[in-house]
Amino acid sequence: MIECQTLPIDQIYVPIKRRRALKSDLINEIAESILEIGQQTPIVVRRDGERFVLLDGLHRLEACKALGEKHIIATLASAQVERARALPSYEAEIDLLRQKTSRLREARLAKEAPERPASPVSAATENQKTVFREGSRRVREAPRSRVATLAEWLADRKRDGSPI
């Protein structure tokens, strides 16, 4: 459950990783805005024993500290909300895209399965032409490349003696 309340700033712990992302220009802009119209958007924290851990709103918190404020408006989030915020929205979209790609790949493979030869040996012999010479001796030609145009295909069919 999410609820807004006023919390003492000195009870809010800022993780070290979040502190590295501080931008002093942004803090100054937010501080000016807070002076003019007040804090419009609450920060997001979670309870950790006696203190609160900052989840979102580092620059708003630092702006309030710079202005000498003792309290700040905060939203108290549960652990479930924190887990949902842990995954950026683009990662969720990427996961959906991966799932869709996987389904498309499976559908394509299922469609191509009947068209594929049964074994690798038959695939190799499918591309080879067998020529019979005098006697019962068989000679195999090198595999032919696939025909690029209709005219080439028709020429191959005539050469093989197959009906067109």
C-alpha atoms as a PDB file:
ATOM      1  CA  MET A   1       0.000   0.000   0.000  1.00  0.00           C
ATOM      2  CA  ILE A   2       1.296   3.470  -0.851  1.00  0.00           C
ATOM      3  CA  GLU A   3       0.717   6.454   1.438  1.00  0.00           C
ATOM      4  CA  CYS A   4       2.006  10.055   1.454  1.00  0.00           C
ATOM      5  CA  GLN A   5       3.353  11.593   4.633  1.00  0.00           C
ATOM      6  CA  THR A   6       5.809  14.166   5.934  1.00  0.00           C
ATOM      7  CA  LEU A   7       9.094  12.638   7.093  1.00  0.00           C
ATOM      8  CA  PRO A   8      12.123  14.094   8.873  1.00  0.00           C
ATOM      9  CA  ILE A   9      14.951  14.491   6.355  1.00  0.00           C
ATOM     10  CA  ASP A  10      17.594  13.304   8.817  1.00  0.00           C
ATOM     11  CA  GLN A  11      15.922   9.853   8.997  1.00  0.00           C
ATOM     12  CA  ILE A  12      16.235   9.250   5.224  1.00  0.00           C
ATOM     13  CA  TYR A  13      19.214   7.164   4.141  1.00  0.00           C
ATOM     14  CA  VAL A  14      20.542   7.666   0.600  1.00  0.00           C
ATOM     15  CA  PRO A  15      22.330   4.600  -0.861  1.00  0.00           C
ATOM     16  CA  ILE A  16      25.884   5.267  -2.064  1.00  0.00           C
ATOM     17  CA  LYS A  17      25.053   4.338  -5.661  1.00  0.00           C
ATOM     18  CA  ARG A  18      22.354   7.008  -5.755  1.00  0.00           C
ATOM     19  CA  ARG A  19      24.691   9.671  -4.333  1.00  0.00           C
ATOM     20  CA  ARG A  20      27.007   9.296  -7.330  1.00  0.00           C
ATOM     21  CA  ALA A  21      24.269  10.503  -9.692  1.00  0.00           C
ATOM     22  CA  LEU A  22      23.958  13.965  -8.135  1.00  0.00           C
ATOM     23  CA  LYS A  23      23.841  16.961 -10.505  1.00  0.00           C
ATOM     24  CA  SER A  24      24.288  20.293  -8.747  1.00  0.00           C
ATOM     25  CA  ASP A  25      22.643  22.287 -11.560  1.00  0.00           C
ATOM     26  CA  LEU A  26      19.487  20.198 -11.275  1.00  0.00           C
ATOM     27  CA  ILE A  27      19.474  20.580  -7.484  1.00  0.00           C
ATOM     28  CA  ASN A  28      19.610  24.380  -7.868  1.00  0.00           C
ATOM     29  CA  GLU A  29      16.722  24.371 -10.383  1.00  0.00           C
ATOM     30  CA  ILE A  30      14.571  22.197  -8.134  1.00  0.00           C
ATOM     31  CA  ALA A  31      15.407  24.328  -5.098  1.00  0.00           C
ATOM     32  CA  GLU A  32      14.269  27.457  -6.963  1.00  0.00           C
ATOM     33  CA  SER A  33      11.061  25.702  -7.986  1.00  0.00           C
ATOM     34  CA  ILE A  34      10.384  24.586  -4.405  1.00  0.00           C
ATOM     35  CA  LEU A  35      10.879  28.173  -3.207  1.00  0.00           C
ATOM     36  CA  GLU A  36       8.376  29.449  -5.776  1.00  0.00           C
ATOM     37  CA  ILE A  37       5.614  26.831  -5.734  1.00  0.00           C
ATOM     38  CA  GLY A  38       6.570  24.303  -3.059  1.00  0.00           C
ATOM     39  CA  GLN A  39       7.270  20.603  -3.341  1.00  0.00           C
ATOM     40  CA  GLN A  40       4.857  19.201  -5.916  1.00  0.00           C
ATOM     41  CA  THR A  41       6.103  15.624  -6.271  1.00  0.00           C
ATOM     42  CA  PRO A  42       6.855  13.501  -3.200  1.00  0.00           C
ATOM     43  CA  ILE A  43      10.022  11.439  -2.949  1.00  0.00           C
ATOM     44  CA  VAL A  44       9.656   7.650  -2.651  1.00  0.00           C
ATOM     45  CA  VAL A  45      11.104   5.804   0.351  1.00  0.00           C
ATOM     46  CA  ARG A  46      10.747   2.440   2.015  1.00  0.00           C
ATOM     47  CA  ARG A  47      10.950   1.661   5.696  1.00  0.00           C
ATOM     48  CA  ASP A  48      14.143  -0.026   6.924  1.00  0.00           C
ATOM     49  CA  GLY A  49      13.842  -0.457  10.676  1.00  0.00           C
ATOM     50  CA  GLU A  50      13.988   3.001  12.302  1.00  0.00           C
ATOM     51  CA  ARG A  51      15.071   4.826   9.143  1.00  0.00           C
ATOM     52  CA  PHE A  52      13.822   5.205   5.585  1.00  0.00           C
ATOM     53  CA  VAL A  53      15.744   4.286   2.431  1.00  0.00           C
ATOM     54  CA  LEU A  54      15.420   6.591  -0.576  1.00  0.00           C
ATOM     55  CA  LEU A  55      14.099   4.880  -3.714  1.00  0.00           C
ATOM     56  CA  ASP A  56      13.371   7.913  -5.900  1.00  0.00           C
ATOM     57  CA  GLY A  57      13.766  11.692  -5.614  1.00  0.00           C
ATOM     58  CA  LEU A  58      17.424  12.244  -4.767  1.00  0.00           C
ATOM     59  CA  HIS A  59      17.560  15.716  -6.321  1.00  0.00           C
ATOM     60  CA  ARG A  60      14.331  16.796  -4.571  1.00  0.00           C
ATOM     61  CA  LEU A  61      15.729  15.571  -1.252  1.00  0.00           C
ATOM     62  CA  GLU A  62      19.042  17.387  -1.768  1.00  0.00           C
ATOM     63  CA  ALA A  63      17.198  20.565  -2.844  1.00  0.00           C
ATOM     64  CA  CYS A  64      15.167  20.502   0.379  1.00  0.00           C
ATOM     65  CA  LYS A  65      18.375  19.973   2.380  1.00  0.00           C
ATOM     66  CA  ALA A  66      19.983  22.924   0.578  1.00  0.00           C
ATOM     67  CA  LEU A  67      16.989  25.093   1.494  1.00  0.00           C
ATOM     68  CA  GLY A  68      17.366  24.104   5.161  1.00  0.00           C
ATOM     69  CA  GLU A  69      14.119  22.142   5.338  1.00  0.00           C
ATOM     70  CA  LYS A  70      13.752  19.677   8.224  1.00  0.00           C
ATOM     71  CA  HIS A  71      10.860  17.664   6.732  1.00  0.00           C
ATOM     72  CA  ILE A  72       9.947  16.458   3.248  1.00  0.00           C
ATOM     73  CA  ILE A  73       6.809  15.020   1.652  1.00  0.00           C
ATOM     74  CA  ALA A  74       7.385  11.356   0.873  1.00  0.00           C
ATOM     75  CA  THR A  75       5.535   8.355  -0.393  1.00  0.00           C
ATOM     76  CA  LEU A  76       6.071   5.269   1.707  1.00  0.00           C
ATOM     77  CA  ALA A  77       6.295   2.284  -0.609  1.00  0.00           C
ATOM     78  CA  SER A  78       6.064  -1.399   0.209  1.00  0.00           C
ATOM     79  CA  ALA A  79       8.616  -4.016  -0.862  1.00  0.00           C
ATOM     80  CA  GLN A  80       6.369  -5.040  -3.781  1.00  0.00           C
ATOM     81  CA  VAL A  81       6.470  -1.531  -5.224  1.00  0.00           C
ATOM     82  CA  GLU A  82      10.253  -1.476  -4.817  1.00  0.00           C
ATOM     83  CA  ARG A  83      10.618  -4.708  -6.828  1.00  0.00           C
ATOM     84  CA  ALA A  84       8.408  -3.298  -9.581  1.00  0.00           C
ATOM     85  CA  ARG A  85      10.537  -0.138  -9.700  1.00  0.00           C
ATOM     86  CA  ALA A  86      13.768  -2.193  -9.776  1.00  0.00           C
ATOM     87  CA  LEU A  87      13.110  -3.198 -13.385  1.00  0.00           C
ATOM     88  CA  PRO A  88      13.216  -0.205 -15.697  1.00  0.00           C
ATOM     89  CA  SER A  89      10.259  -0.057 -18.062  1.00  0.00           C
ATOM     90  CA  TYR A  90      12.444  -0.673 -21.116  1.00  0.00           C
ATOM     91  CA  GLU A  91      13.606  -4.003 -19.636  1.00  0.00           C
ATOM     92  CA  ALA A  92       9.997  -5.143 -19.377  1.00  0.00           C
ATOM     93  CA  GLU A  93       9.480  -4.146 -23.034  1.00  0.00           C
ATOM     94  CA  ILE A  94      12.655  -5.995 -24.031  1.00  0.00           C
ATOM     95  CA  ASP A  95      11.438  -9.091 -22.201  1.00  0.00           C
ATOM     96  CA  LEU A  96       8.120  -8.961 -24.074  1.00  0.00           C
ATOM     97  CA  LEU A  97      10.001  -8.536 -27.354  1.00  0.00           C
ATOM     98  CA  ARG A  98      12.194 -11.554 -26.563  1.00  0.00           C
ATOM     99  CA  GLN A  99       9.121 -13.654 -25.849  1.00  0.00           C
ATOM    100  CA  LYS A 100       7.492 -12.563 -29.115  1.00  0.00           C
ATOM    101  CA  THR A 101      10.672 -13.297 -31.074  1.00  0.00           C
ATOM    102  CA  SER A 102      10.886 -16.726 -29.482  1.00  0.00           C
ATOM    103  CA  ARG A 103       7.282 -17.524 -30.456  1.00  0.00           C
ATOM    104  CA  LEU A 104       7.889 -16.327 -34.024  1.00  0.00           C
ATOM    105  CA  ARG A 105      11.059 -18.458 -34.259  1.00  0.00           C
ATOM    106  CA  GLU A 106       9.159 -21.530 -33.031  1.00  0.00           C
ATOM    107  CA  ALA A 107       6.364 -20.907 -35.543  1.00  0.00           C
ATOM    108  CA  ARG A 108       8.876 -20.489 -38.392  1.00  0.00           C
ATOM    109  CA  LEU A 109      10.713 -23.694 -37.427  1.00  0.00           C
ATOM    110  CA  ALA A 110       7.427 -25.587 -37.214  1.00  0.00           C
ATOM    111  CA  LYS A 111       6.491 -24.341 -40.689  1.00  0.00           C
ATOM    112  CA  GLU A 112       9.893 -25.211 -42.170  1.00  0.00           C
ATOM    113  CA  ALA A 113      10.052 -28.678 -40.560  1.00  0.00           C
ATOM    114  CA  PRO A 114       7.903 -30.435 -43.229  1.00  0.00           C
ATOM    115  CA  GLU A 115       9.939 -28.764 -45.980  1.00  0.00           C
ATOM    116  CA  ARG A 116      13.288 -29.968 -44.622  1.00  0.00           C
ATOM    117  CA  PRO A 117      14.787 -33.312 -45.650  1.00  0.00           C
ATOM    118  CA  ALA A 118      14.604 -36.104 -43.100  1.00  0.00           C
ATOM    119  CA  SER A 119      18.370 -36.437 -42.546  1.00  0.00           C
ATOM    120  CA  PRO A 120      21.574 -34.582 -43.352  1.00  0.00           C
ATOM    121  CA  VAL A 121      22.592 -37.359 -45.769  1.00  0.00           C
ATOM    122  CA  SER A 122      19.459 -36.911 -47.864  1.00  0.00           C
ATOM    123  CA  ALA A 123      20.019 -33.135 -47.857  1.00  0.00           C
ATOM    124  CA  ALA A 124      23.479 -33.627 -49.324  1.00  0.00           C
ATOM    125  CA  THR A 125      22.288 -36.037 -52.004  1.00  0.00           C
ATOM    126  CA  GLU A 126      19.339 -33.814 -52.887  1.00  0.00           C
ATOM    127  CA  ASN A 127      21.727 -31.193 -54.266  1.00  0.00           C
ATOM    128  CA  GLN A 128      23.716 -33.742 -56.261  1.00  0.00           C
ATOM    129  CA  LYS A 129      22.808 -35.064 -59.680  1.00  0.00           C
ATOM    130  CA  THR A 130      23.414 -38.704 -60.479  1.00  0.00           C
ATOM    131  CA  VAL A 131      24.598 -39.490 -64.002  1.00  0.00           C
ATOM    132  CA  PHE A 132      24.539 -43.020 -65.432  1.00  0.00           C
ATOM    133  CA  ARG A 133      27.255 -44.000 -67.892  1.00  0.00           C
ATOM    134  CA  GLU A 134      27.913 -47.150 -69.833  1.00  0.00           C
ATOM    135  CA  GLY A 135      27.746 -50.124 -67.582  1.00  0.00           C
ATOM    136  CA  SER A 136      26.307 -49.986 -64.114  1.00  0.00           C
ATOM    137  CA  ARG A 137      28.816 -47.503 -62.755  1.00  0.00           C
ATOM    138  CA  ARG A 138      27.379 -44.316 -61.213  1.00  0.00           C
ATOM    139  CA  VAL A 139      29.243 -41.028 -61.143  1.00  0.00           C
ATOM    140  CA  ARG A 140      28.175 -38.110 -58.962  1.00  0.00           C
ATOM    141  CA  GLU A 141      28.552 -34.535 -60.059  1.00  0.00           C
ATOM    142  CA  ALA A 142      29.381 -31.692 -57.680  1.00  0.00           C
ATOM    143  CA  PRO A 143      26.387 -30.065 -56.026  1.00  0.00           C
ATOM    144  CA  ARG A 144      24.712 -27.438 -58.174  1.00  0.00           C
ATOM    145  CA  SER A 145      23.933 -24.009 -56.875  1.00  0.00           C
ATOM    146  CA  ARG A 146      20.313 -22.985 -56.601  1.00  0.00           C
ATOM    147  CA  VAL A 147      18.833 -21.453 -59.736  1.00  0.00           C
ATOM    148  CA  ALA A 148      18.576 -17.674 -59.494  1.00  0.00           C
ATOM    149  CA  THR A 149      16.077 -16.937 -62.287  1.00  0.00           C
ATOM    150  CA  LEU A 150      13.161 -18.610 -64.019  1.00  0.00           C
ATOM    151  CA  ALA A 151      15.094 -18.732 -67.309  1.00  0.00           C
ATOM    152  CA  GLU A 152      17.922 -20.660 -65.634  1.00  0.00           C
ATOM    153  CA  TRP A 153      15.446 -23.046 -64.068  1.00  0.00           C
ATOM    154  CA  LEU A 154      13.784 -23.707 -67.442  1.00  0.00           C
ATOM    155  CA  ALA A 155      17.192 -24.272 -69.041  1.00  0.00           C
ATOM    156  CA  ASP A 156      18.098 -26.774 -66.296  1.00  0.00           C
ATOM    157  CA  ARG A 157      14.810 -28.615 -66.768  1.00  0.00           C
ATOM    158  CA  LYS A 158      15.419 -28.873 -70.555  1.00  0.00           C
ATOM    159  CA  ARG A 159      18.975 -30.087 -70.014  1.00  0.00           C
ATOM    160  CA  ASP A 160      17.757 -32.784 -67.579  1.00  0.00           C
ATOM    161  CA  GLY A 161      15.072 -33.847 -70.024  1.00  0.00           C
ATOM    162  CA  SER A 162      12.330 -33.188 -67.488  1.00  0.00           C
ATOM    163  CA  PRO A 163       8.919 -32.005 -68.695  1.00  0.00           C
ATOM    164  CA  ILE A 164       8.425 -28.296 -68.288  1.00  0.00           C
END
